[in-house]
Amino acid sequence: MSKKIKVFYDGKCSICKKEINFYSKIDKDKNFDWVNIHKNNNKINNTGLSKKELLSVLHIQTEKGSIIKGVDAFGVMWSKFKYLKLLSFAIKFKPVNIFANFLYKLWLKNR
């Protein structure tokens, strides 16, 4: 069995759950392991990050074990989906990345 990208999400956040449900439905190639931070202590412990850190912003753990967070984590996720791949390229463009990070941080304060 090949390793999957682990996506750590806040299972108590209704918007987060809806978004993860959307991604999991379109994850036809099963590239991801969707990890509810509130229910998976073993997988959390393997990251070296605290639960509080993981809840602060979206984190993924790549197949090789690297941790990526925030907008860049979304970019990695989007790169695995046929119809979202263009977004993954756009988010790498510096002005778009800066603006997306600004919006994401603003959203995090109000979620």
PDB file of N, CA and C in Angstrom:
ATOM      1  N   MET A   1       0.846  -1.186   0.000  1.00  0.00           N
ATOM      2  CA  MET A   1       0.000   0.000   0.000  1.00  0.00           C
ATOM      3  C   MET A   1       0.891   1.249   0.000  1.00  0.00           C
ATOM      4  N   SER A   2       0.633   2.158  -0.902  1.00  0.00           N
ATOM      5  CA  SER A   2       1.434   3.376  -0.985  1.00  0.00           C
ATOM      6  C   SER A   2       1.025   4.350   0.117  1.00  0.00           C
ATOM      7  N   LYS A   3       1.973   5.180   0.509  1.00  0.00           N
ATOM      8  CA  LYS A   3       1.688   6.181   1.534  1.00  0.00           C
ATOM      9  C   LYS A   3       0.787   7.253   0.955  1.00  0.00           C
ATOM     10  N   LYS A   4      -0.024   7.800   1.822  1.00  0.00           N
ATOM     11  CA  LYS A   4      -0.955   8.861   1.423  1.00  0.00           C
ATOM     12  C   LYS A   4      -0.561  10.165   2.096  1.00  0.00           C
ATOM     13  N   ILE A   5      -1.039  11.245   1.541  1.00  0.00           N
ATOM     14  CA  ILE A   5      -0.894  12.549   2.168  1.00  0.00           C
ATOM     15  C   ILE A   5      -1.914  12.623   3.299  1.00  0.00           C
ATOM     16  N   LYS A   6      -1.446  12.953   4.490  1.00  0.00           N
ATOM     17  CA  LYS A   6      -2.353  13.094   5.634  1.00  0.00           C
ATOM     18  C   LYS A   6      -2.804  14.549   5.711  1.00  0.00           C
ATOM     19  N   VAL A   7      -4.101  14.744   5.791  1.00  0.00           N
ATOM     20  CA  VAL A   7      -4.684  16.077   5.920  1.00  0.00           C
ATOM     21  C   VAL A   7      -5.297  16.162   7.312  1.00  0.00           C
ATOM     22  N   PHE A   8      -4.758  17.056   8.129  1.00  0.00           N
ATOM     23  CA  PHE A   8      -5.229  17.236   9.499  1.00  0.00           C
ATOM     24  C   PHE A   8      -6.228  18.382   9.532  1.00  0.00           C
ATOM     25  N   TYR A   9      -7.455  18.057   9.941  1.00  0.00           N
ATOM     26  CA  TYR A   9      -8.514  19.081   9.922  1.00  0.00           C
ATOM     27  C   TYR A   9      -9.263  19.102  11.248  1.00  0.00           C
ATOM     28  N   ASP A  10      -9.891  20.230  11.501  1.00  0.00           N
ATOM     29  CA  ASP A  10     -10.674  20.442  12.718  1.00  0.00           C
ATOM     30  C   ASP A  10     -12.078  19.873  12.514  1.00  0.00           C
ATOM     31  N   GLY A  11     -12.303  18.699  13.065  1.00  0.00           N
ATOM     32  CA  GLY A  11     -13.589  18.027  12.923  1.00  0.00           C
ATOM     33  C   GLY A  11     -14.718  18.674  13.698  1.00  0.00           C
ATOM     34  N   LYS A  12     -14.407  19.670  14.516  1.00  0.00           N
ATOM     35  CA  LYS A  12     -15.448  20.394  15.260  1.00  0.00           C
ATOM     36  C   LYS A  12     -15.852  21.690  14.560  1.00  0.00           C
ATOM     37  N   CYS A  13     -15.172  22.017  13.487  1.00  0.00           N
ATOM     38  CA  CYS A  13     -15.476  23.215  12.701  1.00  0.00           C
ATOM     39  C   CYS A  13     -16.400  22.788  11.555  1.00  0.00           C
ATOM     40  N   SER A  14     -17.632  23.301  11.553  1.00  0.00           N
ATOM     41  CA  SER A  14     -18.609  22.848  10.556  1.00  0.00           C
ATOM     42  C   SER A  14     -18.176  23.191   9.126  1.00  0.00           C
ATOM     43  N   ILE A  15     -17.599  24.362   8.925  1.00  0.00           N
ATOM     44  CA  ILE A  15     -17.136  24.742   7.578  1.00  0.00           C
ATOM     45  C   ILE A  15     -15.983  23.838   7.153  1.00  0.00           C
ATOM     46  N   CYS A  16     -15.071  23.561   8.092  1.00  0.00           N
ATOM     47  CA  CYS A  16     -13.928  22.690   7.792  1.00  0.00           C
ATOM     48  C   CYS A  16     -14.415  21.296   7.393  1.00  0.00           C
ATOM     49  N   LYS A  17     -15.378  20.767   8.151  1.00  0.00           N
ATOM     50  CA  LYS A  17     -15.911  19.433   7.849  1.00  0.00           C
ATOM     51  C   LYS A  17     -16.563  19.401   6.473  1.00  0.00           C
ATOM     52  N   LYS A  18     -17.322  20.436   6.131  1.00  0.00           N
ATOM     53  CA  LYS A  18     -17.970  20.484   4.813  1.00  0.00           C
ATOM     54  C   LYS A  18     -16.936  20.496   3.702  1.00  0.00           C
ATOM     55  N   GLU A  19     -15.891  21.273   3.889  1.00  0.00           N
ATOM     56  CA  GLU A  19     -14.845  21.352   2.872  1.00  0.00           C
ATOM     57  C   GLU A  19     -14.127  20.007   2.728  1.00  0.00           C
ATOM     58  N   ILE A  20     -13.794  19.382   3.851  1.00  0.00           N
ATOM     59  CA  ILE A  20     -13.116  18.083   3.815  1.00  0.00           C
ATOM     60  C   ILE A  20     -14.034  17.026   3.199  1.00  0.00           C
ATOM     61  N   ASN A  21     -15.312  17.077   3.511  1.00  0.00           N
ATOM     62  CA  ASN A  21     -16.261  16.133   2.885  1.00  0.00           C
ATOM     63  C   ASN A  21     -16.271  16.292   1.369  1.00  0.00           C
ATOM     64  N   PHE A  22     -16.231  17.533   0.903  1.00  0.00           N
ATOM     65  CA  PHE A  22     -16.170  17.789  -0.542  1.00  0.00           C
ATOM     66  C   PHE A  22     -14.914  17.167  -1.137  1.00  0.00           C
ATOM     67  N   TYR A  23     -13.764  17.461  -0.525  1.00  0.00           N
ATOM     68  CA  TYR A  23     -12.501  16.919  -1.046  1.00  0.00           C
ATOM     69  C   TYR A  23     -12.481  15.389  -1.007  1.00  0.00           C
ATOM     70  N   SER A  24     -12.977  14.818   0.073  1.00  0.00           N
ATOM     71  CA  SER A  24     -12.937  13.350   0.182  1.00  0.00           C
ATOM     72  C   SER A  24     -13.827  12.685  -0.873  1.00  0.00           C
ATOM     73  N   LYS A  25     -14.921  13.342  -1.239  1.00  0.00           N
ATOM     74  CA  LYS A  25     -15.794  12.796  -2.282  1.00  0.00           C
ATOM     75  C   LYS A  25     -15.138  12.828  -3.657  1.00  0.00           C
ATOM     76  N   ILE A  26     -14.325  13.839  -3.910  1.00  0.00           N
ATOM     77  CA  ILE A  26     -13.681  13.920  -5.228  1.00  0.00           C
ATOM     78  C   ILE A  26     -12.296  13.267  -5.244  1.00  0.00           C
ATOM     79  N   ASP A  27     -11.890  12.697  -4.121  1.00  0.00           N
ATOM     80  CA  ASP A  27     -10.593  12.013  -4.005  1.00  0.00           C
ATOM     81  C   ASP A  27     -10.719  10.585  -4.553  1.00  0.00           C
ATOM     82  N   LYS A  28     -10.983  10.488  -5.831  1.00  0.00           N
ATOM     83  CA  LYS A  28     -11.219   9.181  -6.470  1.00  0.00           C
ATOM     84  C   LYS A  28      -9.991   8.274  -6.436  1.00  0.00           C
ATOM     85  N   ASP A  29      -8.798   8.866  -6.462  1.00  0.00           N
ATOM     86  CA  ASP A  29      -7.564   8.072  -6.444  1.00  0.00           C
ATOM     87  C   ASP A  29      -7.095   7.741  -5.033  1.00  0.00           C
ATOM     88  N   LYS A  30      -7.853   8.183  -4.040  1.00  0.00           N
ATOM     89  CA  LYS A  30      -7.536   7.924  -2.629  1.00  0.00           C
ATOM     90  C   LYS A  30      -6.105   8.352  -2.291  1.00  0.00           C
ATOM     91  N   ASN A  31      -5.775   9.586  -2.648  1.00  0.00           N
ATOM     92  CA  ASN A  31      -4.444  10.150  -2.373  1.00  0.00           C
ATOM     93  C   ASN A  31      -4.284  10.616  -0.930  1.00  0.00           C
ATOM     94  N   PHE A  32      -5.404  10.737  -0.210  1.00  0.00           N
ATOM     95  CA  PHE A  32      -5.367  11.383   1.090  1.00  0.00           C
ATOM     96  C   PHE A  32      -5.870  10.498   2.218  1.00  0.00           C
ATOM     97  N   ASP A  33      -5.323  10.728   3.384  1.00  0.00           N
ATOM     98  CA  ASP A  33      -5.800  10.158   4.635  1.00  0.00           C
ATOM     99  C   ASP A  33      -6.352  11.348   5.416  1.00  0.00           C
ATOM    100  N   TRP A  34      -7.660  11.426   5.570  1.00  0.00           N
ATOM    101  CA  TRP A  34      -8.324  12.566   6.198  1.00  0.00           C
ATOM    102  C   TRP A  34      -8.327  12.356   7.701  1.00  0.00           C
ATOM    103  N   VAL A  35      -7.598  13.178   8.444  1.00  0.00           N
ATOM    104  CA  VAL A  35      -7.376  12.973   9.874  1.00  0.00           C
ATOM    105  C   VAL A  35      -8.098  14.053  10.690  1.00  0.00           C
ATOM    106  N   ASN A  36      -9.155  13.630  11.362  1.00  0.00           N
ATOM    107  CA  ASN A  36      -9.861  14.520  12.283  1.00  0.00           C
ATOM    108  C   ASN A  36      -8.973  14.684  13.514  1.00  0.00           C
ATOM    109  N   ILE A  37      -8.521  15.876  13.772  1.00  0.00           N
ATOM    110  CA  ILE A  37      -7.574  16.146  14.857  1.00  0.00           C
ATOM    111  C   ILE A  37      -8.138  15.729  16.213  1.00  0.00           C
ATOM    112  N   HIS A  38      -9.438  15.773  16.367  1.00  0.00           N
ATOM    113  CA  HIS A  38     -10.066  15.469  17.647  1.00  0.00           C
ATOM    114  C   HIS A  38     -10.225  13.970  17.894  1.00  0.00           C
ATOM    115  N   LYS A  39      -9.940  13.141  16.907  1.00  0.00           N
ATOM    116  CA  LYS A  39     -10.193  11.701  17.042  1.00  0.00           C
ATOM    117  C   LYS A  39      -8.988  10.818  16.718  1.00  0.00           C
ATOM    118  N   ASN A  40      -7.843  11.374  16.396  1.00  0.00           N
ATOM    119  CA  ASN A  40      -6.726  10.551  15.915  1.00  0.00           C
ATOM    120  C   ASN A  40      -5.407  10.910  16.598  1.00  0.00           C
ATOM    121  N   ASN A  41      -5.318  10.630  17.891  1.00  0.00           N
ATOM    122  CA  ASN A  41      -4.116  10.989  18.646  1.00  0.00           C
ATOM    123  C   ASN A  41      -2.854  10.306  18.121  1.00  0.00           C
ATOM    124  N   ASN A  42      -2.960   9.054  17.680  1.00  0.00           N
ATOM    125  CA  ASN A  42      -1.765   8.351  17.188  1.00  0.00           C
ATOM    126  C   ASN A  42      -1.167   9.046  15.974  1.00  0.00           C
ATOM    127  N   LYS A  43      -1.994   9.419  15.037  1.00  0.00           N
ATOM    128  CA  LYS A  43      -1.503  10.087  13.832  1.00  0.00           C
ATOM    129  C   LYS A  43      -0.982  11.482  14.154  1.00  0.00           C
ATOM    130  N   ILE A  44      -1.605  12.136  15.128  1.00  0.00           N
ATOM    131  CA  ILE A  44      -1.152  13.461  15.549  1.00  0.00           C
ATOM    132  C   ILE A  44       0.230  13.364  16.188  1.00  0.00           C
ATOM    133  N   ASN A  45       0.419  12.377  17.053  1.00  0.00           N
ATOM    134  CA  ASN A  45       1.697  12.212  17.737  1.00  0.00           C
ATOM    135  C   ASN A  45       2.844  11.995  16.761  1.00  0.00           C
ATOM    136  N   ASN A  46       2.570  11.387  15.625  1.00  0.00           N
ATOM    137  CA  ASN A  46       3.608  11.116  14.626  1.00  0.00           C
ATOM    138  C   ASN A  46       4.055  12.364  13.868  1.00  0.00           C
ATOM    139  N   THR A  47       3.371  13.489  14.062  1.00  0.00           N
ATOM    140  CA  THR A  47       3.746  14.718  13.348  1.00  0.00           C
ATOM    141  C   THR A  47       4.800  15.528  14.092  1.00  0.00           C
ATOM    142  N   GLY A  48       4.869  15.332  15.398  1.00  0.00           N
ATOM    143  CA  GLY A  48       5.760  16.159  16.207  1.00  0.00           C
ATOM    144  C   GLY A  48       5.147  17.514  16.541  1.00  0.00           C
ATOM    145  N   LEU A  49       3.896  17.715  16.167  1.00  0.00           N
ATOM    146  CA  LEU A  49       3.194  18.972  16.439  1.00  0.00           C
ATOM    147  C   LEU A  49       2.137  18.747  17.514  1.00  0.00           C
ATOM    148  N   SER A  50       1.823  19.795  18.237  1.00  0.00           N
ATOM    149  CA  SER A  50       0.771  19.692  19.253  1.00  0.00           C
ATOM    150  C   SER A  50      -0.600  19.789  18.593  1.00  0.00           C
ATOM    151  N   LYS A  51      -1.595  19.341  19.321  1.00  0.00           N
ATOM    152  CA  LYS A  51      -2.969  19.459  18.849  1.00  0.00           C
ATOM    153  C   LYS A  51      -3.318  20.930  18.614  1.00  0.00           C
ATOM    154  N   LYS A  52      -2.854  21.799  19.523  1.00  0.00           N
ATOM    155  CA  LYS A  52      -3.111  23.238  19.402  1.00  0.00           C
ATOM    156  C   LYS A  52      -2.508  23.785  18.106  1.00  0.00           C
ATOM    157  N   GLU A  53      -1.281  23.377  17.780  1.00  0.00           N
ATOM    158  CA  GLU A  53      -0.645  23.829  16.537  1.00  0.00           C
ATOM    159  C   GLU A  53      -1.435  23.353  15.322  1.00  0.00           C
ATOM    160  N   LEU A  54      -1.843  22.091  15.347  1.00  0.00           N
ATOM    161  CA  LEU A  54      -2.588  21.543  14.213  1.00  0.00           C
ATOM    162  C   LEU A  54      -3.939  22.220  14.032  1.00  0.00           C
ATOM    163  N   LEU A  55      -4.560  22.631  15.136  1.00  0.00           N
ATOM    164  CA  LEU A  55      -5.858  23.303  15.056  1.00  0.00           C
ATOM    165  C   LEU A  55      -5.745  24.755  14.596  1.00  0.00           C
ATOM    166  N   SER A  56      -4.554  25.320  14.661  1.00  0.00           N
ATOM    167  CA  SER A  56      -4.387  26.733  14.332  1.00  0.00           C
ATOM    168  C   SER A  56      -4.538  27.029  12.844  1.00  0.00           C
ATOM    169  N   VAL A  57      -4.226  26.051  11.998  1.00  0.00           N
ATOM    170  CA  VAL A  57      -4.234  26.242  10.553  1.00  0.00           C
ATOM    171  C   VAL A  57      -4.210  24.854   9.911  1.00  0.00           C
ATOM    172  N   LEU A  58      -4.691  24.730   8.685  1.00  0.00           N
ATOM    173  CA  LEU A  58      -4.664  23.438   8.005  1.00  0.00           C
ATOM    174  C   LEU A  58      -3.222  22.958   7.843  1.00  0.00           C
ATOM    175  N   HIS A  59      -2.978  21.701   8.199  1.00  0.00           N
ATOM    176  CA  HIS A  59      -1.667  21.075   8.018  1.00  0.00           C
ATOM    177  C   HIS A  59      -1.829  19.806   7.196  1.00  0.00           C
ATOM    178  N   ILE A  60      -0.829  19.523   6.381  1.00  0.00           N
ATOM    179  CA  ILE A  60      -0.753  18.214   5.734  1.00  0.00           C
ATOM    180  C   ILE A  60       0.622  17.634   6.026  1.00  0.00           C
ATOM    181  N   GLN A  61       0.685  16.312   5.961  1.00  0.00           N
ATOM    182  CA  GLN A  61       1.970  15.617   6.046  1.00  0.00           C
ATOM    183  C   GLN A  61       2.123  14.844   4.747  1.00  0.00           C
ATOM    184  N   THR A  62       3.176  15.184   4.008  1.00  0.00           N
ATOM    185  CA  THR A  62       3.383  14.550   2.702  1.00  0.00           C
ATOM    186  C   THR A  62       3.736  13.079   2.856  1.00  0.00           C
ATOM    187  N   GLU A  63       3.772  12.402   1.730  1.00  0.00           N
ATOM    188  CA  GLU A  63       4.124  10.989   1.720  1.00  0.00           C
ATOM    189  C   GLU A  63       5.517  10.759   2.304  1.00  0.00           C
ATOM    190  N   LYS A  64       6.376  11.753   2.194  1.00  0.00           N
ATOM    191  CA  LYS A  64       7.751  11.645   2.702  1.00  0.00           C
ATOM    192  C   LYS A  64       7.892  12.143   4.135  1.00  0.00           C
ATOM    193  N   GLY A  65       6.791  12.634   4.725  1.00  0.00           N
ATOM    194  CA  GLY A  65       6.803  13.043   6.123  1.00  0.00           C
ATOM    195  C   GLY A  65       6.949  14.533   6.366  1.00  0.00           C
ATOM    196  N   SER A  66       7.127  15.328   5.318  1.00  0.00           N
ATOM    197  CA  SER A  66       7.245  16.783   5.494  1.00  0.00           C
ATOM    198  C   SER A  66       5.901  17.378   5.885  1.00  0.00           C
ATOM    199  N   ILE A  67       5.947  18.396   6.731  1.00  0.00           N
ATOM    200  CA  ILE A  67       4.737  19.105   7.145  1.00  0.00           C
ATOM    201  C   ILE A  67       4.628  20.399   6.338  1.00  0.00           C
ATOM    202  N   ILE A  68       3.451  20.618   5.760  1.00  0.00           N
ATOM    203  CA  ILE A  68       3.156  21.845   5.018  1.00  0.00           C
ATOM    204  C   ILE A  68       1.863  22.394   5.609  1.00  0.00           C
ATOM    205  N   LYS A  69       1.797  23.721   5.750  1.00  0.00           N
ATOM    206  CA  LYS A  69       0.613  24.281   6.394  1.00  0.00           C
ATOM    207  C   LYS A  69       0.036  25.464   5.632  1.00  0.00           C
ATOM    208  N   GLY A  70      -1.195  25.788   5.986  1.00  0.00           N
ATOM    209  CA  GLY A  70      -1.873  26.953   5.442  1.00  0.00           C
ATOM    210  C   GLY A  70      -2.182  26.855   3.963  1.00  0.00           C
ATOM    211  N   VAL A  71      -2.078  27.978   3.298  1.00  0.00           N
ATOM    212  CA  VAL A  71      -2.400  28.075   1.873  1.00  0.00           C
ATOM    213  C   VAL A  71      -1.548  27.113   1.044  1.00  0.00           C
ATOM    214  N   ASP A  72      -0.288  26.945   1.436  1.00  0.00           N
ATOM    215  CA  ASP A  72       0.583  26.031   0.698  1.00  0.00           C
ATOM    216  C   ASP A  72       0.090  24.587   0.800  1.00  0.00           C
ATOM    217  N   ALA A  73      -0.510  24.236   1.939  1.00  0.00           N
ATOM    218  CA  ALA A  73      -1.097  22.897   2.100  1.00  0.00           C
ATOM    219  C   ALA A  73      -2.278  22.714   1.143  1.00  0.00           C
ATOM    220  N   PHE A  74      -3.097  23.747   1.017  1.00  0.00           N
ATOM    221  CA  PHE A  74      -4.194  23.683   0.053  1.00  0.00           C
ATOM    222  C   PHE A  74      -3.650  23.480  -1.362  1.00  0.00           C
ATOM    223  N   GLY A  75      -2.569  24.174  -1.682  1.00  0.00           N
ATOM    224  CA  GLY A  75      -1.961  24.036  -3.003  1.00  0.00           C
ATOM    225  C   GLY A  75      -1.545  22.607  -3.305  1.00  0.00           C
ATOM    226  N   VAL A  76      -0.965  21.945  -2.324  1.00  0.00           N
ATOM    227  CA  VAL A  76      -0.574  20.540  -2.508  1.00  0.00           C
ATOM    228  C   VAL A  76      -1.816  19.680  -2.717  1.00  0.00           C
ATOM    229  N   MET A  77      -2.829  19.919  -1.911  1.00  0.00           N
ATOM    230  CA  MET A  77      -4.074  19.150  -2.062  1.00  0.00           C
ATOM    231  C   MET A  77      -4.677  19.359  -3.448  1.00  0.00           C
ATOM    232  N   TRP A  78      -4.804  20.617  -3.843  1.00  0.00           N
ATOM    233  CA  TRP A  78      -5.430  20.931  -5.131  1.00  0.00           C
ATOM    234  C   TRP A  78      -4.664  20.312  -6.294  1.00  0.00           C
ATOM    235  N   SER A  79      -3.367  20.158  -6.158  1.00  0.00           N
ATOM    236  CA  SER A  79      -2.560  19.592  -7.251  1.00  0.00           C
ATOM    237  C   SER A  79      -2.929  18.144  -7.551  1.00  0.00           C
ATOM    238  N   LYS A  80      -3.609  17.492  -6.633  1.00  0.00           N
ATOM    239  CA  LYS A  80      -3.988  16.080  -6.815  1.00  0.00           C
ATOM    240  C   LYS A  80      -5.365  15.906  -7.447  1.00  0.00           C
ATOM    241  N   PHE A  81      -6.080  17.017  -7.641  1.00  0.00           N
ATOM    242  CA  PHE A  81      -7.423  16.948  -8.205  1.00  0.00           C
ATOM    243  C   PHE A  81      -7.444  17.544  -9.610  1.00  0.00           C
ATOM    244  N   LYS A  82      -8.001  16.804 -10.527  1.00  0.00           N
ATOM    245  CA  LYS A  82      -8.033  17.208 -11.930  1.00  0.00           C
ATOM    246  C   LYS A  82      -8.567  18.629 -12.123  1.00  0.00           C
ATOM    247  N   TYR A  83      -9.690  18.933 -11.505  1.00  0.00           N
ATOM    248  CA  TYR A  83     -10.343  20.215 -11.752  1.00  0.00           C
ATOM    249  C   TYR A  83      -9.870  21.339 -10.828  1.00  0.00           C
ATOM    250  N   LEU A  84      -8.966  21.036  -9.900  1.00  0.00           N
ATOM    251  CA  LEU A  84      -8.432  22.061  -9.008  1.00  0.00           C
ATOM    252  C   LEU A  84      -6.946  22.316  -9.243  1.00  0.00           C
ATOM    253  N   LYS A  85      -6.379  21.561 -10.156  1.00  0.00           N
ATOM    254  CA  LYS A  85      -4.948  21.649 -10.442  1.00  0.00           C
ATOM    255  C   LYS A  85      -4.518  23.071 -10.823  1.00  0.00           C
ATOM    256  N   LEU A  86      -5.353  23.759 -11.576  1.00  0.00           N
ATOM    257  CA  LEU A  86      -5.028  25.124 -11.980  1.00  0.00           C
ATOM    258  C   LEU A  86      -4.855  26.033 -10.763  1.00  0.00           C
ATOM    259  N   LEU A  87      -5.691  25.834  -9.742  1.00  0.00           N
ATOM    260  CA  LEU A  87      -5.557  26.612  -8.506  1.00  0.00           C
ATOM    261  C   LEU A  87      -4.210  26.363  -7.834  1.00  0.00           C
ATOM    262  N   SER A  88      -3.737  25.113  -7.908  1.00  0.00           N
ATOM    263  CA  SER A  88      -2.450  24.791  -7.274  1.00  0.00           C
ATOM    264  C   SER A  88      -1.308  25.529  -7.949  1.00  0.00           C
ATOM    265  N   PHE A  89      -1.421  25.742  -9.253  1.00  0.00           N
ATOM    266  CA  PHE A  89      -0.398  26.517  -9.967  1.00  0.00           C
ATOM    267  C   PHE A  89      -0.538  28.010  -9.631  1.00  0.00           C
ATOM    268  N   ALA A  90      -1.754  28.501  -9.588  1.00  0.00           N
ATOM    269  CA  ALA A  90      -2.001  29.917  -9.309  1.00  0.00           C
ATOM    270  C   ALA A  90      -1.488  30.309  -7.930  1.00  0.00           C
ATOM    271  N   ILE A  91      -1.659  29.417  -6.953  1.00  0.00           N
ATOM    272  CA  ILE A  91      -1.288  29.742  -5.575  1.00  0.00           C
ATOM    273  C   ILE A  91       0.231  29.862  -5.412  1.00  0.00           C
ATOM    274  N   LYS A  92       0.984  29.348  -6.361  1.00  0.00           N
ATOM    275  CA  LYS A  92       2.448  29.448  -6.316  1.00  0.00           C
ATOM    276  C   LYS A  92       2.945  30.807  -6.799  1.00  0.00           C
ATOM    277  N   PHE A  93       2.094  31.542  -7.487  1.00  0.00           N
ATOM    278  CA  PHE A  93       2.439  32.867  -7.986  1.00  0.00           C
ATOM    279  C   PHE A  93       2.447  33.823  -6.795  1.00  0.00           C
ATOM    280  N   LYS A  94       3.588  34.441  -6.532  1.00  0.00           N
ATOM    281  CA  LYS A  94       3.833  35.204  -5.301  1.00  0.00           C
ATOM    282  C   LYS A  94       2.701  36.176  -4.922  1.00  0.00           C
ATOM    283  N   PRO A  95       2.248  37.060  -5.819  1.00  0.00           N
ATOM    284  CA  PRO A  95       1.161  37.978  -5.416  1.00  0.00           C
ATOM    285  C   PRO A  95      -0.123  37.240  -5.029  1.00  0.00           C
ATOM    286  N   VAL A  96      -0.447  36.185  -5.744  1.00  0.00           N
ATOM    287  CA  VAL A  96      -1.650  35.397  -5.422  1.00  0.00           C
ATOM    288  C   VAL A  96      -1.472  34.725  -4.062  1.00  0.00           C
ATOM    289  N   ASN A  97      -0.273  34.181  -3.808  1.00  0.00           N
ATOM    290  CA  ASN A  97       0.007  33.509  -2.550  1.00  0.00           C
ATOM    291  C   ASN A  97      -0.100  34.479  -1.381  1.00  0.00           C
ATOM    292  N   ILE A  98       0.452  35.661  -1.534  1.00  0.00           N
ATOM    293  CA  ILE A  98       0.390  36.674  -0.469  1.00  0.00           C
ATOM    294  C   ILE A  98      -1.053  37.056  -0.173  1.00  0.00           C
ATOM    295  N   PHE A  99      -1.830  37.289  -1.215  1.00  0.00           N
ATOM    296  CA  PHE A  99      -3.227  37.677  -1.039  1.00  0.00           C
ATOM    297  C   PHE A  99      -4.041  36.524  -0.433  1.00  0.00           C
ATOM    298  N   ALA A 100      -3.813  35.301  -0.900  1.00  0.00           N
ATOM    299  CA  ALA A 100      -4.525  34.136  -0.369  1.00  0.00           C
ATOM    300  C   ALA A 100      -4.190  33.930   1.107  1.00  0.00           C
ATOM    301  N   ASN A 101      -2.935  34.109   1.479  1.00  0.00           N
ATOM    302  CA  ASN A 101      -2.546  33.982   2.884  1.00  0.00           C
ATOM    303  C   ASN A 101      -3.226  35.043   3.735  1.00  0.00           C
ATOM    304  N   PHE A 102      -3.308  36.262   3.222  1.00  0.00           N
ATOM    305  CA  PHE A 102      -4.000  37.338   3.931  1.00  0.00           C
ATOM    306  C   PHE A 102      -5.463  36.960   4.172  1.00  0.00           C
ATOM    307  N   LEU A 103      -6.145  36.501   3.122  1.00  0.00           N
ATOM    308  CA  LEU A 103      -7.560  36.123   3.247  1.00  0.00           C
ATOM    309  C   LEU A 103      -7.746  34.933   4.189  1.00  0.00           C
ATOM    310  N   TYR A 104      -6.850  33.955   4.092  1.00  0.00           N
ATOM    311  CA  TYR A 104      -6.948  32.761   4.939  1.00  0.00           C
ATOM    312  C   TYR A 104      -6.772  33.139   6.413  1.00  0.00           C
ATOM    313  N   LYS A 105      -5.799  33.996   6.720  1.00  0.00           N
ATOM    314  CA  LYS A 105      -5.588  34.427   8.108  1.00  0.00           C
ATOM    315  C   LYS A 105      -6.783  35.218   8.620  1.00  0.00           C
ATOM    316  N   LEU A 106      -7.377  36.013   7.772  1.00  0.00           N
ATOM    317  CA  LEU A 106      -8.569  36.761   8.137  1.00  0.00           C
ATOM    318  C   LEU A 106      -9.719  35.789   8.446  1.00  0.00           C
ATOM    319  N   TRP A 107      -9.881  34.787   7.605  1.00  0.00           N
ATOM    320  CA  TRP A 107     -10.932  33.786   7.824  1.00  0.00           C
ATOM    321  C   TRP A 107     -10.686  33.020   9.112  1.00  0.00           C
ATOM    322  N   LEU A 108      -9.425  32.668   9.387  1.00  0.00           N
ATOM    323  CA  LEU A 108      -9.114  31.906  10.600  1.00  0.00           C
ATOM    324  C   LEU A 108      -9.515  32.663  11.868  1.00  0.00           C
ATOM    325  N   LYS A 109      -9.369  33.973  11.850  1.00  0.00           N
ATOM    326  CA  LYS A 109      -9.734  34.776  13.027  1.00  0.00           C
ATOM    327  C   LYS A 109     -11.226  34.769  13.278  1.00  0.00           C
ATOM    328  N   ASN A 110     -12.018  34.502  12.243  1.00  0.00           N
ATOM    329  CA  ASN A 110     -13.473  34.598  12.346  1.00  0.00           C
ATOM    330  C   ASN A 110     -14.210  33.267  12.238  1.00  0.00           C
ATOM    331  N   ARG A 111     -13.483  32.177  12.241  1.00  0.00           N
ATOM    332  CA  ARG A 111     -14.193  30.900  12.047  1.00  0.00           C
ATOM    333  C   ARG A 111     -14.897  30.397  13.250  1.00  0.00           C
TER     334      ARG A 111
END
